[in-house]
Amino acid sequence: MVARVVEGRTLYVNTSNAPVRVALAGQKHDTLTGKTYTGSLDLAPYGVALLR
Protein backbone atom coordinates (compact mmCIF):
# COMPACT_ATOMS: atom_id res chain seq x y z
CA MET A 1 0.00 0.00 0.00
CA VAL A 2 1.33 3.41 -1.00
CA ALA A 3 -0.16 6.81 -0.17
CA ARG A 4 1.04 10.17 -1.43
CA VAL A 5 -0.37 13.67 -0.97
CA VAL A 6 -0.51 15.68 -4.21
CA GLU A 7 -1.89 19.23 -4.22
CA GLY A 8 -4.20 18.62 -1.25
CA ARG A 9 -5.46 15.26 -2.48
CA THR A 10 -4.26 11.85 -1.33
CA LEU A 11 -3.51 9.15 -3.88
CA TYR A 12 -3.84 5.60 -2.51
CA VAL A 13 -2.46 2.65 -4.48
CA ASN A 14 -2.87 -0.94 -3.34
CA THR A 15 0.31 -2.62 -4.58
CA SER A 16 -0.70 -6.12 -3.45
CA ASN A 17 -2.91 -8.89 -4.81
CA ALA A 18 -5.11 -8.76 -1.67
CA PRO A 19 -7.75 -6.17 -0.73
CA VAL A 20 -6.80 -3.60 1.93
CA ARG A 21 -8.78 -1.32 4.26
CA VAL A 22 -7.54 2.24 4.81
CA ALA A 23 -8.66 4.21 7.87
CA LEU A 24 -9.86 7.73 7.00
CA ALA A 25 -10.39 10.79 9.16
CA GLY A 26 -13.91 12.02 8.46
CA GLN A 27 -15.57 12.01 5.06
CA LYS A 28 -13.58 11.93 1.80
CA HIS A 29 -14.60 12.15 -1.86
CA ASP A 30 -12.93 10.04 -4.58
CA THR A 31 -12.32 12.27 -7.60
CA LEU A 32 -11.83 9.24 -9.88
CA THR A 33 -15.14 7.48 -9.16
CA GLY A 34 -17.29 10.17 -7.55
CA LYS A 35 -17.91 7.97 -4.49
CA THR A 36 -17.86 9.31 -0.93
CA TYR A 37 -16.22 7.39 1.93
CA THR A 38 -16.65 7.87 5.68
CA GLY A 39 -14.30 6.28 8.20
CA SER A 40 -12.59 3.81 5.86
CA LEU A 41 -11.84 2.95 2.26
CA ASP A 42 -11.67 -0.62 0.94
CA LEU A 43 -9.28 -0.91 -1.99
CA ALA A 44 -9.40 -3.91 -4.31
CA PRO A 45 -6.19 -5.71 -5.25
CA TYR A 46 -4.06 -3.23 -7.26
CA GLY A 47 -6.82 -0.64 -6.79
CA VAL A 48 -6.37 3.14 -6.71
CA ALA A 49 -8.26 6.05 -5.19
CA LEU A 50 -7.66 9.82 -5.30
CA LEU A 51 -9.36 11.36 -2.27
CA ARG A 52 -10.00 14.96 -1.31
PDB file of N, CA and C in Angstrom:
ATOM      1  N   MET A   1       0.842  -1.173   0.000  1.00  0.00           N
ATOM      2  CA  MET A   1       0.000   0.000   0.000  1.00  0.00           C
ATOM      3  C   MET A   1       0.887   1.234   0.000  1.00  0.00           C
ATOM      4  N   VAL A   2       0.584   2.159  -0.906  1.00  0.00           N
ATOM      5  CA  VAL A   2       1.328   3.406  -1.002  1.00  0.00           C
ATOM      6  C   VAL A   2       0.331   4.552  -0.959  1.00  0.00           C
ATOM      7  N   ALA A   3       0.681   5.606  -0.219  1.00  0.00           N
ATOM      8  CA  ALA A   3      -0.160   6.810  -0.172  1.00  0.00           C
ATOM      9  C   ALA A   3       0.738   8.022  -0.363  1.00  0.00           C
ATOM     10  N   ARG A   4       0.260   8.972  -1.167  1.00  0.00           N
ATOM     11  CA  ARG A   4       1.039  10.172  -1.426  1.00  0.00           C
ATOM     12  C   ARG A   4       0.094  11.354  -1.558  1.00  0.00           C
ATOM     13  N   VAL A   5       0.437  12.453  -0.892  1.00  0.00           N
ATOM     14  CA  VAL A   5      -0.366  13.671  -0.970  1.00  0.00           C
ATOM     15  C   VAL A   5       0.129  14.506  -2.145  1.00  0.00           C
ATOM     16  N   VAL A   6      -0.818  14.881  -3.022  1.00  0.00           N
ATOM     17  CA  VAL A   6      -0.506  15.680  -4.208  1.00  0.00           C
ATOM     18  C   VAL A   6      -1.510  16.817  -4.290  1.00  0.00           C
ATOM     19  N   GLU A   7      -1.047  18.042  -4.112  1.00  0.00           N
ATOM     20  CA  GLU A   7      -1.890  19.230  -4.220  1.00  0.00           C
ATOM     21  C   GLU A   7      -3.173  19.117  -3.395  1.00  0.00           C
ATOM     22  N   GLY A   8      -3.053  18.690  -2.138  1.00  0.00           N
ATOM     23  CA  GLY A   8      -4.199  18.624  -1.245  1.00  0.00           C
ATOM     24  C   GLY A   8      -5.065  17.392  -1.388  1.00  0.00           C
ATOM     25  N   ARG A   9      -4.743  16.520  -2.305  1.00  0.00           N
ATOM     26  CA  ARG A   9      -5.465  15.262  -2.475  1.00  0.00           C
ATOM     27  C   ARG A   9      -4.524  14.118  -2.125  1.00  0.00           C
ATOM     28  N   THR A  10      -5.083  13.001  -1.672  1.00  0.00           N
ATOM     29  CA  THR A  10      -4.258  11.853  -1.328  1.00  0.00           C
ATOM     30  C   THR A  10      -4.520  10.722  -2.320  1.00  0.00           C
ATOM     31  N   LEU A  11      -3.446  10.252  -2.936  1.00  0.00           N
ATOM     32  CA  LEU A  11      -3.507   9.145  -3.876  1.00  0.00           C
ATOM     33  C   LEU A  11      -3.157   7.865  -3.131  1.00  0.00           C
ATOM     34  N   TYR A  12      -4.067   6.898  -3.122  1.00  0.00           N
ATOM     35  CA  TYR A  12      -3.843   5.597  -2.508  1.00  0.00           C
ATOM     36  C   TYR A  12      -3.702   4.560  -3.613  1.00  0.00           C
ATOM     37  N   VAL A  13      -2.674   3.726  -3.516  1.00  0.00           N
ATOM     38  CA  VAL A  13      -2.456   2.651  -4.481  1.00  0.00           C
ATOM     39  C   VAL A  13      -2.213   1.362  -3.708  1.00  0.00           C
ATOM     40  N   ASN A  14      -3.057   0.381  -3.944  1.00  0.00           N
ATOM     41  CA  ASN A  14      -2.870  -0.936  -3.342  1.00  0.00           C
ATOM     42  C   ASN A  14      -1.916  -1.704  -4.258  1.00  0.00           C
ATOM     43  N   THR A  15      -0.717  -1.968  -3.776  1.00  0.00           N
ATOM     44  CA  THR A  15       0.308  -2.625  -4.578  1.00  0.00           C
ATOM     45  C   THR A  15       0.340  -4.138  -4.364  1.00  0.00           C
ATOM     46  N   SER A  16      -0.677  -4.680  -3.719  1.00  0.00           N
ATOM     47  CA  SER A  16      -0.699  -6.122  -3.451  1.00  0.00           C
ATOM     48  C   SER A  16      -1.865  -6.797  -4.174  1.00  0.00           C
ATOM     49  N   ASN A  17      -1.833  -8.126  -4.166  1.00  0.00           N
ATOM     50  CA  ASN A  17      -2.912  -8.887  -4.808  1.00  0.00           C
ATOM     51  C   ASN A  17      -4.016  -9.256  -3.820  1.00  0.00           C
ATOM     52  N   ALA A  18      -4.062  -8.553  -2.669  1.00  0.00           N
ATOM     53  CA  ALA A  18      -5.110  -8.758  -1.666  1.00  0.00           C
ATOM     54  C   ALA A  18      -5.783  -7.414  -1.385  1.00  0.00           C
ATOM     55  N   PRO A  19      -7.081  -7.426  -1.070  1.00  0.00           N
ATOM     56  CA  PRO A  19      -7.749  -6.168  -0.727  1.00  0.00           C
ATOM     57  C   PRO A  19      -7.185  -5.586   0.571  1.00  0.00           C
ATOM     58  N   VAL A  20      -7.249  -4.269   0.704  1.00  0.00           N
ATOM     59  CA  VAL A  20      -6.796  -3.598   1.929  1.00  0.00           C
ATOM     60  C   VAL A  20      -7.848  -2.590   2.377  1.00  0.00           C
ATOM     61  N   ARG A  21      -7.886  -2.333   3.688  1.00  0.00           N
ATOM     62  CA  ARG A  21      -8.779  -1.321   4.263  1.00  0.00           C
ATOM     63  C   ARG A  21      -7.905  -0.182   4.778  1.00  0.00           C
ATOM     64  N   VAL A  22      -8.273   1.044   4.401  1.00  0.00           N
ATOM     65  CA  VAL A  22      -7.540   2.239   4.806  1.00  0.00           C
ATOM     66  C   VAL A  22      -8.427   3.049   5.740  1.00  0.00           C
ATOM     67  N   ALA A  23      -7.921   3.373   6.925  1.00  0.00           N
ATOM     68  CA  ALA A  23      -8.664   4.211   7.868  1.00  0.00           C
ATOM     69  C   ALA A  23      -8.612   5.662   7.394  1.00  0.00           C
ATOM     70  N   LEU A  24      -9.754   6.336   7.432  1.00  0.00           N
ATOM     71  CA  LEU A  24      -9.861   7.730   6.997  1.00  0.00           C
ATOM     72  C   LEU A  24     -10.363   8.593   8.146  1.00  0.00           C
ATOM     73  N   ALA A  25      -9.889   9.819   8.187  1.00  0.00           N
ATOM     74  CA  ALA A  25     -10.387  10.794   9.162  1.00  0.00           C
ATOM     75  C   ALA A  25     -11.537  11.549   8.518  1.00  0.00           C
ATOM     76  N   GLY A  26     -12.742  11.314   8.989  1.00  0.00           N
ATOM     77  CA  GLY A  26     -13.909  12.017   8.460  1.00  0.00           C
ATOM     78  C   GLY A  26     -14.365  11.493   7.120  1.00  0.00           C
ATOM     79  N   GLN A  27     -14.995  12.375   6.353  1.00  0.00           N
ATOM     80  CA  GLN A  27     -15.574  12.014   5.059  1.00  0.00           C
ATOM     81  C   GLN A  27     -14.664  12.480   3.933  1.00  0.00           C
ATOM     82  N   LYS A  28     -14.444  11.618   2.946  1.00  0.00           N
ATOM     83  CA  LYS A  28     -13.584  11.926   1.802  1.00  0.00           C
ATOM     84  C   LYS A  28     -14.325  11.599   0.507  1.00  0.00           C
ATOM     85  N   HIS A  29     -13.984  12.331  -0.554  1.00  0.00           N
ATOM     86  CA  HIS A  29     -14.604  12.150  -1.864  1.00  0.00           C
ATOM     87  C   HIS A  29     -13.548  11.654  -2.840  1.00  0.00           C
ATOM     88  N   ASP A  30     -13.849  10.591  -3.578  1.00  0.00           N
ATOM     89  CA  ASP A  30     -12.933  10.043  -4.583  1.00  0.00           C
ATOM     90  C   ASP A  30     -13.168  10.770  -5.898  1.00  0.00           C
ATOM     91  N   THR A  31     -12.168  11.501  -6.366  1.00  0.00           N
ATOM     92  CA  THR A  31     -12.323  12.269  -7.600  1.00  0.00           C
ATOM     93  C   THR A  31     -12.315  11.382  -8.845  1.00  0.00           C
ATOM     94  N   LEU A  32     -11.842  10.146  -8.733  1.00  0.00           N
ATOM     95  CA  LEU A  32     -11.827   9.236  -9.878  1.00  0.00           C
ATOM     96  C   LEU A  32     -13.182   8.571 -10.114  1.00  0.00           C
ATOM     97  N   THR A  33     -13.880   8.223  -9.029  1.00  0.00           N
ATOM     98  CA  THR A  33     -15.143   7.484  -9.162  1.00  0.00           C
ATOM     99  C   THR A  33     -16.376   8.293  -8.773  1.00  0.00           C
ATOM    100  N   GLY A  34     -16.166   9.383  -8.021  1.00  0.00           N
ATOM    101  CA  GLY A  34     -17.292  10.174  -7.545  1.00  0.00           C
ATOM    102  C   GLY A  34     -17.901   9.652  -6.254  1.00  0.00           C
ATOM    103  N   LYS A  35     -17.378   8.554  -5.722  1.00  0.00           N
ATOM    104  CA  LYS A  35     -17.909   7.966  -4.488  1.00  0.00           C
ATOM    105  C   LYS A  35     -17.426   8.751  -3.269  1.00  0.00           C
ATOM    106  N   THR A  36     -18.211   8.694  -2.195  1.00  0.00           N
ATOM    107  CA  THR A  36     -17.859   9.313  -0.927  1.00  0.00           C
ATOM    108  C   THR A  36     -17.635   8.223   0.111  1.00  0.00           C
ATOM    109  N   TYR A  37     -16.574   8.371   0.905  1.00  0.00           N
ATOM    110  CA  TYR A  37     -16.222   7.393   1.930  1.00  0.00           C
ATOM    111  C   TYR A  37     -16.193   8.070   3.291  1.00  0.00           C
ATOM    112  N   THR A  38     -16.670   7.369   4.306  1.00  0.00           N
ATOM    113  CA  THR A  38     -16.648   7.868   5.676  1.00  0.00           C
ATOM    114  C   THR A  38     -16.017   6.808   6.569  1.00  0.00           C
ATOM    115  N   GLY A  39     -14.932   7.173   7.237  1.00  0.00           N
ATOM    116  CA  GLY A  39     -14.296   6.277   8.198  1.00  0.00           C
ATOM    117  C   GLY A  39     -13.274   5.319   7.631  1.00  0.00           C
ATOM    118  N   SER A  40     -13.556   4.735   6.458  1.00  0.00           N
ATOM    119  CA  SER A  40     -12.588   3.805   5.864  1.00  0.00           C
ATOM    120  C   SER A  40     -12.830   3.676   4.363  1.00  0.00           C
ATOM    121  N   LEU A  41     -11.805   3.182   3.704  1.00  0.00           N
ATOM    122  CA  LEU A  41     -11.835   2.946   2.263  1.00  0.00           C
ATOM    123  C   LEU A  41     -11.346   1.530   2.036  1.00  0.00           C
ATOM    124  N   ASP A  42     -12.103   0.727   1.311  1.00  0.00           N
ATOM    125  CA  ASP A  42     -11.668  -0.621   0.944  1.00  0.00           C
ATOM    126  C   ASP A  42     -11.163  -0.579  -0.488  1.00  0.00           C
ATOM    127  N   LEU A  43      -9.882  -0.909  -0.652  1.00  0.00           N
ATOM    128  CA  LEU A  43      -9.280  -0.915  -1.988  1.00  0.00           C
ATOM    129  C   LEU A  43      -9.120  -2.352  -2.470  1.00  0.00           C
ATOM    130  N   ALA A  44      -9.542  -2.598  -3.681  1.00  0.00           N
ATOM    131  CA  ALA A  44      -9.404  -3.906  -4.307  1.00  0.00           C
ATOM    132  C   ALA A  44      -7.922  -4.177  -4.571  1.00  0.00           C
ATOM    133  N   PRO A  45      -7.575  -5.419  -4.861  1.00  0.00           N
ATOM    134  CA  PRO A  45      -6.189  -5.707  -5.255  1.00  0.00           C
ATOM    135  C   PRO A  45      -5.770  -4.798  -6.407  1.00  0.00           C
ATOM    136  N   TYR A  46      -4.614  -4.158  -6.272  1.00  0.00           N
ATOM    137  CA  TYR A  46      -4.065  -3.230  -7.260  1.00  0.00           C
ATOM    138  C   TYR A  46      -4.979  -2.050  -7.559  1.00  0.00           C
ATOM    139  N   GLY A  47      -5.883  -1.747  -6.632  1.00  0.00           N
ATOM    140  CA  GLY A  47      -6.820  -0.637  -6.788  1.00  0.00           C
ATOM    141  C   GLY A  47      -6.189   0.713  -6.474  1.00  0.00           C
ATOM    142  N   VAL A  48      -6.828   1.776  -6.971  1.00  0.00           N
ATOM    143  CA  VAL A  48      -6.368   3.137  -6.713  1.00  0.00           C
ATOM    144  C   VAL A  48      -7.551   4.006  -6.310  1.00  0.00           C
ATOM    145  N   ALA A  49      -7.257   5.064  -5.553  1.00  0.00           N
ATOM    146  CA  ALA A  49      -8.259   6.054  -5.186  1.00  0.00           C
ATOM    147  C   ALA A  49      -7.545   7.399  -5.032  1.00  0.00           C
ATOM    148  N   LEU A  50      -8.194   8.466  -5.440  1.00  0.00           N
ATOM    149  CA  LEU A  50      -7.664   9.819  -5.298  1.00  0.00           C
ATOM    150  C   LEU A  50      -8.683  10.607  -4.483  1.00  0.00           C
ATOM    151  N   LEU A  51      -8.380  10.771  -3.197  1.00  0.00           N
ATOM    152  CA  LEU A  51      -9.358  11.356  -2.270  1.00  0.00           C
ATOM    153  C   LEU A  51      -9.043  12.811  -1.941  1.00  0.00           C
ATOM    154  N   ARG A  52     -10.128  13.573  -1.776  1.00  0.00           N
ATOM    155  CA  ARG A  52     -10.002  14.963  -1.308  1.00  0.00           C
ATOM    156  C   ARG A  52     -10.996  15.184  -0.211  1.00  0.00           C
TER     157      ARG A  52
END
